């Protein structure tokens, strides 16, 4: 192998090494961006989990309120039905202000 061939091979190796160094730096930068993005995704996911937990609490409170309202409405319906029965009985028995015929 001549000195010129040896020089060309050495230049090739140095160029390849330089290209590897550039590629490694590019990969490092891409890895850093990926890590940053992953941290942002993890933070967003944690926020979504907190929001979901809060919404679950709100829905539970609303469900309890709806159940209380339903019970109150049922009580009111019962009382109204009782009042209607009393008024209907009162009218049917002739207690509506007119003498019974």
PDB file of N, CA and C in Angstrom:
ATOM      1  N   UNK A   1       0.843  -1.164   0.000  1.00  0.00           N
ATOM      2  CA  UNK A   1       0.000   0.000   0.000  1.00  0.00           C
ATOM      3  C   UNK A   1       0.891   1.230   0.000  1.00  0.00           C
ATOM      4  N   UNK A   2       0.600   2.110  -0.908  1.00  0.00           N
ATOM      5  CA  UNK A   2       1.413   3.318  -1.040  1.00  0.00           C
ATOM      6  C   UNK A   2       1.008   4.318   0.025  1.00  0.00           C
ATOM      7  N   UNK A   3       1.877   5.295   0.164  1.00  0.00           N
ATOM      8  CA  UNK A   3       1.610   6.346   1.163  1.00  0.00           C
ATOM      9  C   UNK A   3       0.354   7.126   0.791  1.00  0.00           C
ATOM     10  N   UNK A   4       0.139   7.343  -0.480  1.00  0.00           N
ATOM     11  CA  UNK A   4      -1.055   8.068  -0.941  1.00  0.00           C
ATOM     12  C   UNK A   4      -2.317   7.267  -0.626  1.00  0.00           C
ATOM     13  N   UNK A   5      -2.295   5.965  -0.854  1.00  0.00           N
ATOM     14  CA  UNK A   5      -3.452   5.125  -0.527  1.00  0.00           C
ATOM     15  C   UNK A   5      -3.713   5.119   0.976  1.00  0.00           C
ATOM     16  N   UNK A   6      -2.635   5.044   1.733  1.00  0.00           N
ATOM     17  CA  UNK A   6      -2.756   5.082   3.184  1.00  0.00           C
ATOM     18  C   UNK A   6      -3.354   6.411   3.627  1.00  0.00           C
ATOM     19  N   UNK A   7      -2.930   7.502   3.018  1.00  0.00           N
ATOM     20  CA  UNK A   7      -3.443   8.846   3.349  1.00  0.00           C
ATOM     21  C   UNK A   7      -4.934   8.918   3.028  1.00  0.00           C
ATOM     22  N   UNK A   8      -5.346   8.379   1.867  1.00  0.00           N
ATOM     23  CA  UNK A   8      -6.756   8.396   1.487  1.00  0.00           C
ATOM     24  C   UNK A   8      -7.601   7.591   2.469  1.00  0.00           C
ATOM     25  N   UNK A   9      -7.083   6.436   2.877  1.00  0.00           N
ATOM     26  CA  UNK A   9      -7.824   5.619   3.837  1.00  0.00           C
ATOM     27  C   UNK A   9      -7.955   6.331   5.176  1.00  0.00           C
ATOM     28  N   UNK A  10      -6.916   6.986   5.600  1.00  0.00           N
ATOM     29  CA  UNK A  10      -6.950   7.716   6.863  1.00  0.00           C
ATOM     30  C   UNK A  10      -7.944   8.879   6.761  1.00  0.00           C
ATOM     31  N   UNK A  11      -7.943   9.576   5.639  1.00  0.00           N
ATOM     32  CA  UNK A  11      -8.891  10.666   5.438  1.00  0.00           C
ATOM     33  C   UNK A  11     -10.326  10.137   5.459  1.00  0.00           C
ATOM     34  N   UNK A  12     -10.537   8.990   4.818  1.00  0.00           N
ATOM     35  CA  UNK A  12     -11.859   8.375   4.812  1.00  0.00           C
ATOM     36  C   UNK A  12     -12.309   8.047   6.239  1.00  0.00           C
ATOM     37  N   UNK A  13     -11.396   7.462   7.014  1.00  0.00           N
ATOM     38  CA  UNK A  13     -11.716   7.099   8.400  1.00  0.00           C
ATOM     39  C   UNK A  13     -12.015   8.351   9.220  1.00  0.00           C
ATOM     40  N   UNK A  14     -11.231   9.387   9.050  1.00  0.00           N
ATOM     41  CA  UNK A  14     -11.462  10.643   9.777  1.00  0.00           C
ATOM     42  C   UNK A  14     -12.797  11.243   9.371  1.00  0.00           C
ATOM     43  N   UNK A  15     -13.135  11.230   8.090  1.00  0.00           N
ATOM     44  CA  UNK A  15     -14.418  11.750   7.630  1.00  0.00           C
ATOM     45  C   UNK A  15     -15.581  10.945   8.218  1.00  0.00           C
ATOM     46  N   UNK A  16     -15.416   9.631   8.229  1.00  0.00           N
ATOM     47  CA  UNK A  16     -16.451   8.770   8.798  1.00  0.00           C
ATOM     48  C   UNK A  16     -16.628   9.054  10.296  1.00  0.00           C
ATOM     49  N   UNK A  17     -15.539   9.236  10.980  1.00  0.00           N
ATOM     50  CA  UNK A  17     -15.588   9.521  12.405  1.00  0.00           C
ATOM     51  C   UNK A  17     -16.276  10.876  12.647  1.00  0.00           C
ATOM     52  N   UNK A  18     -15.969  11.847  11.802  1.00  0.00           N
ATOM     53  CA  UNK A  18     -16.605  13.157  11.923  1.00  0.00           C
ATOM     54  C   UNK A  18     -18.107  13.037  11.663  1.00  0.00           C
ATOM     55  N   UNK A  19     -18.469  12.248  10.650  1.00  0.00           N
ATOM     56  CA  UNK A  19     -19.889  12.055  10.353  1.00  0.00           C
ATOM     57  C   UNK A  19     -20.593  11.353  11.510  1.00  0.00           C
ATOM     58  N   UNK A  20     -19.937  10.351  12.107  1.00  0.00           N
ATOM     59  CA  UNK A  20     -20.504   9.678  13.274  1.00  0.00           C
ATOM     60  C   UNK A  20     -20.716  10.665  14.420  1.00  0.00           C
ATOM     61  N   UNK A  21     -19.769  11.543  14.626  1.00  0.00           N
ATOM     62  CA  UNK A  21     -19.875  12.538  15.695  1.00  0.00           C
ATOM     63  C   UNK A  21     -21.078  13.457  15.442  1.00  0.00           C
ATOM     64  N   UNK A  22     -21.260  13.874  14.196  1.00  0.00           N
ATOM     65  CA  UNK A  22     -22.404  14.722  13.841  1.00  0.00           C
ATOM     66  C   UNK A  22     -23.707  13.953  14.063  1.00  0.00           C
ATOM     67  N   UNK A  23     -23.740  12.710  13.608  1.00  0.00           N
ATOM     68  CA  UNK A  23     -24.936  11.886  13.777  1.00  0.00           C
ATOM     69  C   UNK A  23     -25.278  11.675  15.256  1.00  0.00           C
ATOM     70  N   UNK A  24     -24.251  11.432  16.058  1.00  0.00           N
ATOM     71  CA  UNK A  24     -24.480  11.233  17.488  1.00  0.00           C
ATOM     72  C   UNK A  24     -25.030  12.512  18.117  1.00  0.00           C
ATOM     73  N   UNK A  25     -24.511  13.648  17.742  1.00  0.00           N
ATOM     74  CA  UNK A  25     -25.006  14.922  18.272  1.00  0.00           C
ATOM     75  C   UNK A  25     -26.451  15.152  17.844  1.00  0.00           C
ATOM     76  N   UNK A  26     -26.764  14.820  16.608  1.00  0.00           N
ATOM     77  CA  UNK A  26     -28.151  14.940  16.124  1.00  0.00           C
ATOM     78  C   UNK A  26     -29.074  14.042  16.938  1.00  0.00           C
ATOM     79  N   UNK A  27     -28.621  12.825  17.193  1.00  0.00           N
ATOM     80  CA  UNK A  27     -29.409  11.898  18.003  1.00  0.00           C
ATOM     81  C   UNK A  27     -29.579  12.398  19.436  1.00  0.00           C
ATOM     82  N   UNK A  28     -28.522  12.990  19.996  1.00  0.00           N
ATOM     83  CA  UNK A  28     -28.618  13.558  21.350  1.00  0.00           C
ATOM     84  C   UNK A  28     -29.673  14.660  21.400  1.00  0.00           C
ATOM     85  N   UNK A  29     -29.660  15.525  20.410  1.00  0.00           N
ATOM     86  CA  UNK A  29     -30.638  16.614  20.362  1.00  0.00           C
ATOM     87  C   UNK A  29     -32.061  16.069  20.220  1.00  0.00           C
ATOM     88  N   UNK A  30     -32.216  15.070  19.359  1.00  0.00           N
ATOM     89  CA  UNK A  30     -33.535  14.457  19.180  1.00  0.00           C
ATOM     90  C   UNK A  30     -33.985  13.783  20.474  1.00  0.00           C
ATOM     91  N   UNK A  31     -33.066  13.119  21.163  1.00  0.00           N
ATOM     92  CA  UNK A  31     -33.393  12.475  22.434  1.00  0.00           C
ATOM     93  C   UNK A  31     -33.822  13.515  23.465  1.00  0.00           C
ATOM     94  N   UNK A  32     -33.135  14.636  23.494  1.00  0.00           N
ATOM     95  CA  UNK A  32     -33.486  15.703  24.438  1.00  0.00           C
ATOM     96  C   UNK A  32     -34.889  16.237  24.150  1.00  0.00           C
ATOM     97  N   UNK A  33     -35.200  16.433  22.869  1.00  0.00           N
ATOM     98  CA  UNK A  33     -36.552  16.895  22.502  1.00  0.00           C
ATOM     99  C   UNK A  33     -37.598  15.867  22.905  1.00  0.00           C
ATOM    100  N   UNK A  34     -37.268  14.599  22.683  1.00  0.00           N
ATOM    101  CA  UNK A  34     -38.198  13.527  23.048  1.00  0.00           C
ATOM    102  C   UNK A  34     -38.437  13.518  24.559  1.00  0.00           C
ATOM    103  N   UNK A  35     -37.390  13.666  25.329  1.00  0.00           N
ATOM    104  CA  UNK A  35     -37.534  13.691  26.790  1.00  0.00           C
ATOM    105  C   UNK A  35     -38.366  14.891  27.232  1.00  0.00           C
ATOM    106  N   UNK A  36     -38.145  16.043  26.620  1.00  0.00           N
ATOM    107  CA  UNK A  36     -38.933  17.234  26.950  1.00  0.00           C
ATOM    108  C   UNK A  36     -40.400  17.016  26.611  1.00  0.00           C
ATOM    109  N   UNK A  37     -40.657  16.480  25.417  1.00  0.00           N
ATOM    110  CA  UNK A  37     -42.037  16.210  25.006  1.00  0.00           C
ATOM    111  C   UNK A  37     -42.698  15.189  25.924  1.00  0.00           C
ATOM    112  N   UNK A  38     -41.956  14.168  26.297  1.00  0.00           N
ATOM    113  CA  UNK A  38     -42.494  13.143  27.182  1.00  0.00           C
ATOM    114  C   UNK A  38     -42.844  13.734  28.544  1.00  0.00           C
ATOM    115  N   UNK A  39     -42.007  14.614  29.042  1.00  0.00           N
ATOM    116  CA  UNK A  39     -42.298  15.274  30.324  1.00  0.00           C
ATOM    117  C   UNK A  39     -43.565  16.120  30.211  1.00  0.00           C
ATOM    118  N   UNK A  40     -43.742  16.802  29.083  1.00  0.00           N
ATOM    119  CA  UNK A  40     -44.947  17.601  28.868  1.00  0.00           C
ATOM    120  C   UNK A  40     -46.190  16.709  28.792  1.00  0.00           C
ATOM    121  N   UNK A  41     -46.067  15.593  28.113  1.00  0.00           N
ATOM    122  CA  UNK A  41     -47.192  14.658  28.009  1.00  0.00           C
ATOM    123  C   UNK A  41     -47.540  14.108  29.397  1.00  0.00           C
ATOM    124  N   UNK A  42     -46.525  13.771  30.180  1.00  0.00           N
ATOM    125  CA  UNK A  42     -46.768  13.245  31.527  1.00  0.00           C
ATOM    126  C   UNK A  42     -47.457  14.298  32.395  1.00  0.00           C
ATOM    127  N   UNK A  43     -47.027  15.548  32.276  1.00  0.00           N
ATOM    128  CA  UNK A  43     -47.663  16.626  33.049  1.00  0.00           C
ATOM    129  C   UNK A  43     -49.109  16.813  32.617  1.00  0.00           C
ATOM    130  N   UNK A  44     -49.352  16.770  31.318  1.00  0.00           N
ATOM    131  CA  UNK A  44     -50.721  16.920  30.811  1.00  0.00           C
ATOM    132  C   UNK A  44     -51.589  15.754  31.269  1.00  0.00           C
ATOM    133  N   UNK A  45     -51.040  14.568  31.257  1.00  0.00           N
ATOM    134  CA  UNK A  45     -51.785  13.390  31.699  1.00  0.00           C
ATOM    135  C   UNK A  45     -52.122  13.504  33.179  1.00  0.00           C
ATOM    136  N   UNK A  46     -51.184  13.974  33.980  1.00  0.00           N
ATOM    137  CA  UNK A  46     -51.442  14.145  35.416  1.00  0.00           C
ATOM    138  C   UNK A  46     -52.537  15.181  35.634  1.00  0.00           C
ATOM    139  N   UNK A  47     -52.505  16.267  34.868  1.00  0.00           N
ATOM    140  CA  UNK A  47     -53.549  17.297  34.975  1.00  0.00           C
ATOM    141  C   UNK A  47     -54.907  16.734  34.575  1.00  0.00           C
ATOM    142  N   UNK A  48     -54.931  15.935  33.526  1.00  0.00           N
ATOM    143  CA  UNK A  48     -56.189  15.323  33.095  1.00  0.00           C
ATOM    144  C   UNK A  48     -56.724  14.379  34.164  1.00  0.00           C
ATOM    145  N   UNK A  49     -55.848  13.648  34.822  1.00  0.00           N
ATOM    146  CA  UNK A  49     -56.273  12.741  35.892  1.00  0.00           C
ATOM    147  C   UNK A  49     -56.864  13.537  37.049  1.00  0.00           C
ATOM    148  N   UNK A  50     -56.230  14.665  37.395  1.00  0.00           N
ATOM    149  CA  UNK A  50     -56.777  15.519  38.465  1.00  0.00           C
ATOM    150  C   UNK A  50     -58.128  16.082  38.059  1.00  0.00           C
ATOM    151  N   UNK A  51     -58.244  16.516  36.810  1.00  0.00           N
ATOM    152  CA  UNK A  51     -59.515  17.054  36.316  1.00  0.00           C
ATOM    153  C   UNK A  51     -60.602  15.984  36.338  1.00  0.00           C
ATOM    154  N   UNK A  52     -60.255  14.778  35.945  1.00  0.00           N
ATOM    155  CA  UNK A  52     -61.229  13.681  35.944  1.00  0.00           C
ATOM    156  C   UNK A  52     -61.680  13.363  37.363  1.00  0.00           C
ATOM    157  N   UNK A  53     -60.743  13.360  38.300  1.00  0.00           N
ATOM    158  CA  UNK A  53     -61.097  13.098  39.699  1.00  0.00           C
ATOM    159  C   UNK A  53     -62.053  14.174  40.208  1.00  0.00           C
ATOM    160  N   UNK A  54     -61.770  15.423  39.851  1.00  0.00           N
ATOM    161  CA  UNK A  54     -62.652  16.522  40.254  1.00  0.00           C
ATOM    162  C   UNK A  54     -64.038  16.355  39.637  1.00  0.00           C
ATOM    163  N   UNK A  55     -64.078  16.014  38.363  1.00  0.00           N
ATOM    164  CA  UNK A  55     -65.375  15.812  37.701  1.00  0.00           C
ATOM    165  C   UNK A  55     -66.140  14.656  38.337  1.00  0.00           C
ATOM    166  N   UNK A  56     -65.443  13.604  38.736  1.00  0.00           N
ATOM    167  CA  UNK A  56     -66.098  12.485  39.416  1.00  0.00           C
ATOM    168  C   UNK A  56     -66.736  12.954  40.717  1.00  0.00           C
ATOM    169  N   UNK A  57     -66.037  13.824  41.446  1.00  0.00           N
ATOM    170  CA  UNK A  57     -66.586  14.369  42.682  1.00  0.00           C
ATOM    171  C   UNK A  57     -67.820  15.222  42.397  1.00  0.00           C
ATOM    172  N   UNK A  58     -67.739  16.050  41.373  1.00  0.00           N
ATOM    173  CA  UNK A  58     -68.870  16.912  41.014  1.00  0.00           C
ATOM    174  C   UNK A  58     -70.079  16.062  40.629  1.00  0.00           C
ATOM    175  N   UNK A  59     -69.862  15.043  39.841  1.00  0.00           N
ATOM    176  CA  UNK A  59     -70.969  14.167  39.422  1.00  0.00           C
ATOM    177  C   UNK A  59     -71.573  13.470  40.638  1.00  0.00           C
ATOM    178  N   UNK A  60     -70.735  13.034  41.573  1.00  0.00           N
ATOM    179  CA  UNK A  60     -71.246  12.374  42.774  1.00  0.00           C
ATOM    180  C   UNK A  60     -72.110  13.334  43.588  1.00  0.00           C
ATOM    181  N   UNK A  61     -71.667  14.570  43.734  1.00  0.00           N
ATOM    182  CA  UNK A  61     -72.452  15.570  44.470  1.00  0.00           C
ATOM    183  C   UNK A  61     -73.770  15.826  43.751  1.00  0.00           C
ATOM    184  N   UNK A  62     -73.721  15.942  42.446  1.00  0.00           N
ATOM    185  CA  UNK A  62     -74.947  16.179  41.675  1.00  0.00           C
ATOM    186  C   UNK A  62     -75.900  14.991  41.790  1.00  0.00           C
ATOM    187  N   UNK A  63     -75.374  13.779  41.782  1.00  0.00           N
ATOM    188  CA  UNK A  63     -76.220  12.593  41.912  1.00  0.00           C
ATOM    189  C   UNK A  63     -76.902  12.570  43.275  1.00  0.00           C
ATOM    190  N   UNK A  64     -76.156  12.919  44.311  1.00  0.00           N
ATOM    191  CA  UNK A  64     -76.747  12.989  45.659  1.00  0.00           C
ATOM    192  C   UNK A  64     -77.845  14.042  45.705  1.00  0.00           C
ATOM    193  N   UNK A  65     -77.589  15.204  45.115  1.00  0.00           N
ATOM    194  CA  UNK A  65     -78.590  16.264  45.090  1.00  0.00           C
ATOM    195  C   UNK A  65     -79.834  15.807  44.327  1.00  0.00           C
ATOM    196  N   UNK A  66     -79.639  15.112  43.242  1.00  0.00           N
ATOM    197  CA  UNK A  66     -80.774  14.607  42.458  1.00  0.00           C
ATOM    198  C   UNK A  66     -81.579  13.596  43.261  1.00  0.00           C
ATOM    199  N   UNK A  67     -80.882  12.735  43.997  1.00  0.00           N
ATOM    200  CA  UNK A  67     -81.587  11.758  44.840  1.00  0.00           C
ATOM    201  C   UNK A  67     -82.412  12.461  45.926  1.00  0.00           C
ATOM    202  N   UNK A  68     -81.834  13.499  46.552  1.00  0.00           N
ATOM    203  CA  UNK A  68     -82.589  14.259  47.557  1.00  0.00           C
ATOM    204  C   UNK A  68     -83.809  14.918  46.931  1.00  0.00           C
ATOM    205  N   UNK A  69     -83.615  15.498  45.744  1.00  0.00           N
ATOM    206  CA  UNK A  69     -84.728  16.142  45.041  1.00  0.00           C
ATOM    207  C   UNK A  69     -85.813  15.121  44.708  1.00  0.00           C
ATOM    208  N   UNK A  70     -85.401  13.969  44.237  1.00  0.00           N
ATOM    209  CA  UNK A  70     -86.373  12.919  43.912  1.00  0.00           C
ATOM    210  C   UNK A  70     -87.164  12.504  45.146  1.00  0.00           C
ATOM    211  N   UNK A  71     -86.476  12.364  46.301  1.00  0.00           N
ATOM    212  CA  UNK A  71     -87.182  12.000  47.535  1.00  0.00           C
ATOM    213  C   UNK A  71     -88.169  13.095  47.927  1.00  0.00           C
ATOM    214  N   UNK A  72     -87.746  14.350  47.834  1.00  0.00           N
ATOM    215  CA  UNK A  72     -88.633  15.467  48.182  1.00  0.00           C
ATOM    216  C   UNK A  72     -89.839  15.506  47.247  1.00  0.00           C
ATOM    217  N   UNK A  73     -89.610  15.281  45.962  1.00  0.00           N
ATOM    218  CA  UNK A  73     -90.727  15.271  45.013  1.00  0.00           C
ATOM    219  C   UNK A  73     -91.695  14.133  45.306  1.00  0.00           C
ATOM    220  N   UNK A  74     -91.161  12.985  45.678  1.00  0.00           N
ATOM    221  CA  UNK A  74     -92.020  11.851  46.022  1.00  0.00           C
ATOM    222  C   UNK A  74     -92.861  12.185  47.252  1.00  0.00           C
ATOM    223  N   UNK A  75     -92.246  12.827  48.249  1.00  0.00           N
ATOM    224  CA  UNK A  75     -92.994  13.246  49.440  1.00  0.00           C
ATOM    225  C   UNK A  75     -94.083  14.251  49.060  1.00  0.00           C
ATOM    226  N   UNK A  76     -93.721  15.204  48.218  1.00  0.00           N
ATOM    227  CA  UNK A  76     -94.687  16.212  47.780  1.00  0.00           C
ATOM    228  C   UNK A  76     -95.822  15.557  47.004  1.00  0.00           C
ATOM    229  N   UNK A  77     -95.495  14.620  46.128  1.00  0.00           N
ATOM    230  CA  UNK A  77     -96.531  13.904  45.375  1.00  0.00           C
ATOM    231  C   UNK A  77     -97.489  13.195  46.334  1.00  0.00           C
ATOM    232  N   UNK A  78     -96.946  12.557  47.359  1.00  0.00           N
ATOM    233  CA  UNK A  78     -97.777  11.865  48.332  1.00  0.00           C
ATOM    234  C   UNK A  78     -98.705  12.827  49.057  1.00  0.00           C
ATOM    235  N   UNK A  79     -98.168  13.948  49.467  1.00  0.00           N
ATOM    236  CA  UNK A  79     -98.988  14.949  50.157  1.00  0.00           C
ATOM    237  C   UNK A  79    -100.049  15.525  49.228  1.00  0.00           C
ATOM    238  N   UNK A  80     -99.668  15.795  47.988  1.00  0.00           N
ATOM    239  CA  UNK A  80    -100.638  16.331  47.023  1.00  0.00           C
ATOM    240  C   UNK A  80    -101.756  15.327  46.770  1.00  0.00           C
ATOM    241  N   UNK A  81    -101.392  14.065  46.632  1.00  0.00           N
ATOM    242  CA  UNK A  81    -102.409  13.034  46.419  1.00  0.00           C
ATOM    243  C   UNK A  81    -103.362  12.950  47.610  1.00  0.00           C
ATOM    244  N   UNK A  82    -102.809  13.059  48.816  1.00  0.00           N
ATOM    245  CA  UNK A  82    -103.653  13.052  50.012  1.00  0.00           C
ATOM    246  C   UNK A  82    -104.599  14.240  50.004  1.00  0.00           C
ATOM    247  N   UNK A  83    -104.081  15.424  49.680  1.00  0.00           N
ATOM    248  CA  UNK A  83    -104.917  16.630  49.625  1.00  0.00           C
ATOM    249  C   UNK A  83    -105.991  16.498  48.558  1.00  0.00           C
ATOM    250  N   UNK A  84    -105.629  15.988  47.407  1.00  0.00           N
ATOM    251  CA  UNK A  84    -106.609  15.810  46.323  1.00  0.00           C
ATOM    252  C   UNK A  84    -107.710  14.854  46.777  1.00  0.00           C
ATOM    253  N   UNK A  85    -107.342  13.773  47.440  1.00  0.00           N
ATOM    254  CA  UNK A  85    -108.347  12.818  47.928  1.00  0.00           C
ATOM    255  C   UNK A  85    -109.281  13.473  48.937  1.00  0.00           C
ATOM    256  N   UNK A  86    -108.732  14.288  49.831  1.00  0.00           N
ATOM    257  CA  UNK A  86    -109.562  14.967  50.832  1.00  0.00           C
ATOM    258  C   UNK A  86    -110.524  15.928  50.150  1.00  0.00           C
ATOM    259  N   UNK A  87    -110.018  16.715  49.196  1.00  0.00           N
ATOM    260  CA  UNK A  87    -110.874  17.687  48.501  1.00  0.00           C
ATOM    261  C   UNK A  87    -111.940  16.958  47.697  1.00  0.00           C
ATOM    262  N   UNK A  88    -111.559  15.918  46.987  1.00  0.00           N
ATOM    263  CA  UNK A  88    -112.554  15.168  46.203  1.00  0.00           C
ATOM    264  C   UNK A  88    -113.619  14.552  47.105  1.00  0.00           C
ATOM    265  N   UNK A  89    -113.203  14.011  48.244  1.00  0.00           N
ATOM    266  CA  UNK A  89    -114.162  13.429  49.179  1.00  0.00           C
ATOM    267  C   UNK A  89    -115.080  14.515  49.749  1.00  0.00           C
ATOM    268  N   UNK A  90    -114.475  15.637  50.060  1.00  0.00           N
ATOM    269  CA  UNK A  90    -115.243  16.761  50.596  1.00  0.00           C
ATOM    270  C   UNK A  90    -116.305  17.211  49.594  1.00  0.00           C
ATOM    271  N   UNK A  91    -115.921  17.332  48.316  1.00  0.00           N
ATOM    272  CA  UNK A  91    -116.853  17.756  47.273  1.00  0.00           C
ATOM    273  C   UNK A  91    -117.909  16.673  47.045  1.00  0.00           C
ATOM    274  N   UNK A  92    -117.482  15.438  46.992  1.00  0.00           N
ATOM    275  CA  UNK A  92    -118.435  14.356  46.701  1.00  0.00           C
ATOM    276  C   UNK A  92    -119.428  14.160  47.851  1.00  0.00           C
ATOM    277  N   UNK A  93    -119.062  14.548  49.045  1.00  0.00           N
ATOM    278  CA  UNK A  93    -119.976  14.419  50.177  1.00  0.00           C
ATOM    279  C   UNK A  93    -120.887  15.639  50.312  1.00  0.00           C
ATOM    280  N   UNK A  94    -120.754  16.587  49.415  1.00  0.00           N
ATOM    281  CA  UNK A  94    -121.639  17.745  49.412  1.00  0.00           C
ATOM    282  C   UNK A  94    -121.200  18.854  50.341  1.00  0.00           C
ATOM    283  N   UNK A  95    -119.925  18.938  50.642  1.00  0.00           N
ATOM    284  CA  UNK A  95    -119.411  19.989  51.521  1.00  0.00           C
ATOM    285  C   UNK A  95    -118.818  21.138  50.720  1.00  0.00           C
ATOM    286  N   UNK A  96    -119.344  21.394  49.543  1.00  0.00           N
ATOM    287  CA  UNK A  96    -118.782  22.421  48.676  1.00  0.00           C
ATOM    288  C   UNK A  96    -119.537  23.734  48.816  1.00  0.00           C
ATOM    289  N   UNK A  97    -120.305  23.908  49.891  1.00  0.00           N
ATOM    290  CA  UNK A  97    -121.017  25.141  50.110  1.00  0.00           C
ATOM    291  C   UNK A  97    -122.453  25.083  49.687  1.00  0.00           C
ATOM    292  N   UNK A  98    -122.855  24.048  49.031  1.00  0.00           N
ATOM    293  CA  UNK A  98    -124.239  23.889  48.603  1.00  0.00           C
ATOM    294  C   UNK A  98    -124.847  22.759  49.409  1.00  0.00           C
ATOM    295  N   UNK A  99    -126.098  22.904  49.758  1.00  0.00           N
ATOM    296  CA  UNK A  99    -126.737  21.803  50.486  1.00  0.00           C
ATOM    297  C   UNK A  99    -126.854  20.572  49.601  1.00  0.00           C
ATOM    298  N   UNK A 100    -126.724  19.437  50.221  1.00  0.00           N
ATOM    299  CA  UNK A 100    -126.815  18.167  49.488  1.00  0.00           C
ATOM    300  C   UNK A 100    -128.257  17.918  49.143  1.00  0.00           C
ATOM    301  N   UNK A 101    -128.559  17.537  47.942  1.00  0.00           N
ATOM    302  CA  UNK A 101    -129.941  17.325  47.489  1.00  0.00           C
ATOM    303  C   UNK A 101    -130.432  15.970  47.797  1.00  0.00           C
TER     304      UNK A 101
END
